[in-house]
């Protein structure tokens, strides 16, 4: 009976730990990716190599987009703060000297790698991809 109990624990424990891992760690993983993107925005190091690696490969394929033919759109914040994380969404407040925006990043799990689903091709220039999923709020210091 002890051998059966030991075998059961030996087999069941990794399954239980993995289930807890999936519940606890995705928000942290998504936050880390959002921080990398926002850090690149802040230091003006936005490129297809720095941000493009975080874009969903599935999204690129579904939209027939060859990443090397596009630039990545960005803001140039002086500061940012990552706020709530809901399900597959990370909300971040980005601020400049006279402005602030709420950006939403949407994530997809592609074989254990958390990548963003972009808004799409920028409406301001067809050569840019907007890496955020949505802009919720535009604020200026004048408002």
Protein backbone atom coordinates (compact mmCIF):
# COMPACT_ATOMS: atom_id res chain seq x y z
CA UNK A 1 0.00 0.00 0.00
CA UNK A 2 2.87 2.41 0.81
CA UNK A 3 4.43 1.70 -2.58
CA UNK A 4 1.13 2.47 -4.29
CA UNK A 5 0.79 5.75 -2.33
CA UNK A 6 4.40 6.68 -3.12
CA UNK A 7 3.87 5.90 -6.81
CA UNK A 8 0.65 7.93 -6.84
CA UNK A 9 2.38 10.94 -5.24
CA UNK A 10 5.34 10.57 -7.57
CA UNK A 11 3.06 10.69 -10.62
CA UNK A 12 0.44 13.16 -9.37
CA UNK A 13 2.69 15.78 -7.80
CA UNK A 14 4.20 17.08 -11.09
CA UNK A 15 0.71 17.37 -12.58
CA UNK A 16 -0.55 19.37 -9.61
CA UNK A 17 2.54 21.60 -9.58
CA UNK A 18 2.24 22.27 -13.32
CA UNK A 19 -1.44 23.16 -12.93
CA UNK A 20 -0.53 25.66 -10.21
CA UNK A 21 2.34 26.96 -12.31
CA UNK A 22 -0.03 27.72 -15.20
CA UNK A 23 -2.39 29.62 -12.90
CA UNK A 24 0.28 31.65 -11.14
CA UNK A 25 2.91 32.44 -13.73
CA UNK A 26 1.18 33.64 -16.92
CA UNK A 27 0.46 37.13 -15.50
CA UNK A 28 4.11 37.43 -14.50
CA UNK A 29 5.27 36.21 -17.92
CA UNK A 30 2.96 38.67 -19.69
CA UNK A 31 4.13 41.50 -17.43
CA UNK A 32 7.77 40.74 -18.24
CA UNK A 33 7.07 40.90 -21.99
CA UNK A 34 5.12 44.16 -21.56
CA UNK A 35 8.03 45.59 -19.55
CA UNK A 36 10.50 44.65 -22.28
CA UNK A 37 8.34 46.38 -24.89
CA UNK A 38 7.82 49.49 -22.76
CA UNK A 39 11.52 49.65 -21.87
CA UNK A 40 12.32 49.57 -25.59
CA UNK A 41 9.82 52.42 -26.11
CA UNK A 42 11.40 54.41 -23.31
CA UNK A 43 14.99 54.12 -24.52
CA UNK A 44 14.03 54.49 -28.20
CA UNK A 45 15.31 51.01 -29.03
CA UNK A 46 12.23 49.98 -30.96
CA UNK A 47 12.99 47.73 -33.89
CA UNK A 48 11.65 44.64 -35.53
CA UNK A 49 14.32 42.68 -33.70
CA UNK A 50 13.59 44.12 -30.23
CA UNK A 51 9.79 44.16 -30.41
CA UNK A 52 9.13 41.86 -33.35
CA UNK A 53 10.24 38.81 -31.39
CA UNK A 54 7.25 39.41 -29.08
CA UNK A 55 4.65 39.53 -31.89
CA UNK A 56 2.46 36.48 -32.34
CA UNK A 57 3.73 34.25 -35.12
CA UNK A 58 0.18 33.02 -35.63
CA UNK A 59 -1.05 36.62 -36.06
CA UNK A 60 1.72 37.35 -38.57
CA UNK A 61 0.86 34.22 -40.55
CA UNK A 62 -2.92 34.82 -40.44
CA UNK A 63 -2.42 38.35 -41.76
CA UNK A 64 0.24 37.41 -44.33
CA UNK A 65 2.71 39.84 -42.79
CA UNK A 66 6.43 39.53 -43.30
CA UNK A 67 7.81 41.32 -40.27
CA UNK A 68 11.02 42.42 -41.99
CA UNK A 69 8.96 44.57 -44.39
CA UNK A 70 7.51 46.69 -41.54
CA UNK A 71 8.67 49.02 -38.80
CA UNK A 72 7.27 48.89 -35.27
CA UNK A 73 5.24 51.88 -34.11
CA UNK A 74 5.92 53.18 -30.62
CA UNK A 75 5.50 55.95 -28.13
CA UNK A 76 8.41 57.74 -26.46
CA UNK A 77 7.33 57.76 -22.83
CA UNK A 78 9.32 59.39 -20.08
CA UNK A 79 7.70 56.92 -17.68
CA UNK A 80 5.31 54.00 -17.63
CA UNK A 81 3.43 51.92 -15.13
CA UNK A 82 1.99 48.50 -15.69
CA UNK A 83 -1.45 48.32 -14.18
CA UNK A 84 -4.03 45.58 -14.08
CA UNK A 85 -3.55 42.22 -15.77
CA UNK A 86 -6.81 40.54 -16.75
CA UNK A 87 -6.95 37.15 -18.40
CA UNK A 88 -4.85 37.74 -21.56
CA UNK A 89 -4.62 41.54 -21.28
CA UNK A 90 -2.02 43.83 -19.72
CA UNK A 91 -2.89 47.50 -19.27
CA UNK A 92 -0.08 50.04 -19.07
CA UNK A 93 -0.09 53.78 -18.46
CA UNK A 94 2.56 55.49 -20.58
CA UNK A 95 3.40 59.14 -19.93
CA UNK A 96 5.31 61.85 -21.69
CA UNK A 97 6.01 65.40 -20.57
CA UNK A 98 2.57 66.63 -21.62
CA UNK A 99 0.60 63.48 -22.40
CA UNK A 100 -0.47 60.09 -21.10
CA UNK A 101 -2.12 57.07 -22.69
CA UNK A 102 -3.52 53.75 -21.53
CA UNK A 103 -2.25 50.97 -23.76
CA UNK A 104 -3.69 47.47 -23.79
CA UNK A 105 -1.50 44.55 -24.76
CA UNK A 106 -3.26 41.31 -25.66
CA UNK A 107 -1.36 38.05 -25.33
CA UNK A 108 -1.49 34.59 -26.79
CA UNK A 109 0.34 31.52 -25.54
CA UNK A 110 2.23 30.00 -28.45
CA UNK A 111 3.78 26.77 -27.21
CA UNK A 112 4.64 28.24 -23.81
CA UNK A 113 5.86 31.59 -25.17
CA UNK A 114 3.65 34.60 -24.42
CA UNK A 115 3.44 36.90 -27.42
CA UNK A 116 1.40 39.99 -28.17
CA UNK A 117 -1.42 40.27 -30.68
CA UNK A 118 -1.01 43.71 -32.28
CA UNK A 119 -3.76 46.14 -33.18
CA UNK A 120 -2.53 45.79 -36.74
CA UNK A 121 -1.08 48.00 -39.41
CA UNK A 122 -0.98 51.59 -38.19
CA UNK A 123 -3.68 53.89 -39.52
CA UNK A 124 -1.15 56.75 -39.63
CA UNK A 125 1.39 54.92 -41.80
CA UNK A 126 1.05 51.64 -43.66
CA UNK A 127 4.72 50.81 -43.07
CA UNK A 128 4.23 50.46 -39.29
CA UNK A 129 2.67 47.82 -37.05
CA UNK A 130 0.97 49.06 -33.87
CA UNK A 131 2.18 46.50 -31.29
CA UNK A 132 -0.48 47.39 -28.70
CA UNK A 133 -3.93 45.86 -29.02
CA UNK A 134 -5.85 49.00 -28.12
CA UNK A 135 -5.37 52.55 -26.87
CA UNK A 136 -8.02 53.20 -24.23
CA UNK A 137 -7.40 56.78 -23.27
CA UNK A 138 -5.60 59.83 -24.56
CA UNK A 139 -4.72 62.52 -22.04
CA UNK A 140 -2.81 65.73 -22.30
CA UNK A 141 -1.72 67.94 -19.43
CA UNK A 142 -4.05 70.61 -20.84
CA UNK A 143 -7.12 68.42 -20.14
